Amino acid sequence: MAEQKDKIAEQKILMVNMRRGIEKVPPYKRAAAAAKYLKAFIKRHMKAEDVKLSQDVNNEIFSRGMKDPRPKIRVMCSKDDKKIVTVNLVKQGQ
């Protein structure tokens, strides 16, 4: 049988300020804490059960190293019918 593709139920572009998630974390854990904060933020705002970060988003968070992640990131969130949110990076020109 052919698999059916999940339809996109909702899409949003969000600007996430990750400073709150990294300010009280030791420097060597900051990028990982930023990724966890991003997932929690999107789960709360999109009312999702699961959040999947794309490789581009992960690379953007870790682009300046573990100790100095980007304080803000702009992402596009797409929620499907099963309440799974896929997070993609929004390019500068968009």
Protein backbone atom coordinates (compact mmCIF):
# COMPACT_ATOMS: atom_id res chain seq x y z
CA MET A 1 0.00 0.00 0.00
CA ALA A 2 1.14 3.50 -0.66
CA GLU A 3 1.68 5.72 2.36
CA GLN A 4 -0.37 8.86 2.66
CA LYS A 5 1.50 12.08 3.27
CA ASP A 6 0.48 14.04 6.34
CA LYS A 7 -1.28 17.26 5.49
CA ILE A 8 -0.01 20.48 6.99
CA ALA A 9 -2.59 21.75 9.45
CA GLU A 10 -0.88 24.97 10.51
CA GLN A 11 2.21 27.05 9.66
CA LYS A 12 3.76 29.92 11.60
CA ILE A 13 6.93 31.97 11.38
CA LEU A 14 8.31 32.66 14.85
CA MET A 15 11.17 34.77 16.15
CA VAL A 16 12.43 33.00 19.27
CA ASN A 17 14.53 34.80 21.88
CA MET A 18 16.63 32.02 23.43
CA ARG A 19 18.43 34.20 25.99
CA ARG A 20 16.01 33.11 28.72
CA GLY A 21 16.94 29.50 28.18
CA ILE A 22 20.70 30.02 28.34
CA GLU A 23 21.29 32.76 30.91
CA LYS A 24 21.48 30.49 33.99
CA VAL A 25 23.33 27.60 32.34
CA PRO A 26 27.09 26.98 32.49
CA PRO A 27 28.91 28.17 29.35
CA TYR A 28 29.83 24.67 28.16
CA LYS A 29 26.13 23.65 28.03
CA ARG A 30 24.61 26.75 26.45
CA ALA A 31 24.01 25.55 22.88
CA ALA A 32 22.35 22.33 24.08
CA ALA A 33 20.21 24.35 26.50
CA ALA A 34 19.22 26.70 23.65
CA ALA A 35 18.05 23.73 21.54
CA LYS A 36 16.00 22.37 24.45
CA TYR A 37 14.50 25.81 25.09
CA LEU A 38 13.60 26.17 21.40
CA LYS A 39 11.80 22.81 21.42
CA ALA A 40 9.89 23.67 24.61
CA PHE A 41 8.94 27.11 23.26
CA ILE A 42 7.59 25.69 20.01
CA LYS A 43 5.78 22.86 21.78
CA ARG A 44 4.03 25.44 24.00
CA HIS A 45 3.15 27.92 21.24
CA MET A 46 2.11 25.42 18.57
CA LYS A 47 0.25 23.05 20.98
CA ALA A 48 2.24 20.10 19.68
CA GLU A 49 2.97 16.63 20.96
CA ASP A 50 6.39 16.30 19.31
CA VAL A 51 8.88 18.77 17.81
CA LYS A 52 11.47 17.91 15.15
CA LEU A 53 14.31 20.37 14.52
CA SER A 54 15.80 20.36 11.03
CA GLN A 55 19.53 20.05 10.56
CA ASP A 56 19.71 23.69 9.39
CA VAL A 57 18.21 24.93 12.66
CA ASN A 58 20.60 22.78 14.69
CA ASN A 59 23.59 24.01 12.68
CA GLU A 60 22.50 27.63 13.16
CA ILE A 61 22.30 27.18 16.95
CA PHE A 62 25.72 25.54 17.10
CA SER A 63 27.33 27.76 14.42
CA ARG A 64 29.27 29.88 16.92
CA GLY A 65 30.22 26.96 19.14
CA MET A 66 28.84 25.44 22.35
CA LYS A 67 29.60 28.46 24.55
CA ASP A 68 28.12 31.24 22.41
CA PRO A 69 24.86 30.23 20.68
CA ARG A 70 22.80 32.77 18.77
CA PRO A 71 20.50 34.69 21.12
CA LYS A 72 17.62 34.89 18.60
CA ILE A 73 16.55 32.67 15.76
CA ARG A 74 13.76 32.97 13.17
CA VAL A 75 12.06 29.69 12.27
CA MET A 76 9.08 28.39 10.30
CA CYS A 77 7.00 25.80 12.12
CA SER A 78 4.74 23.39 10.23
CA LYS A 79 2.28 21.26 12.20
CA ASP A 80 0.72 18.21 10.58
CA ASP A 81 -2.48 16.32 11.42
CA LYS A 82 -0.72 14.15 14.02
CA LYS A 83 0.40 17.25 15.99
CA ILE A 84 4.05 16.77 15.02
CA VAL A 85 5.81 20.07 14.36
CA THR A 86 8.73 20.33 11.94
CA VAL A 87 10.96 23.36 12.49
CA ASN A 88 12.89 24.86 9.55
CA LEU A 89 15.17 27.85 9.38
CA VAL A 90 13.88 31.01 7.71
CA LYS A 91 16.45 32.49 5.33
CA GLN A 92 17.50 36.15 5.67
CA GLY A 93 15.70 37.34 2.54
CA GLN A 94 12.31 35.84 3.44
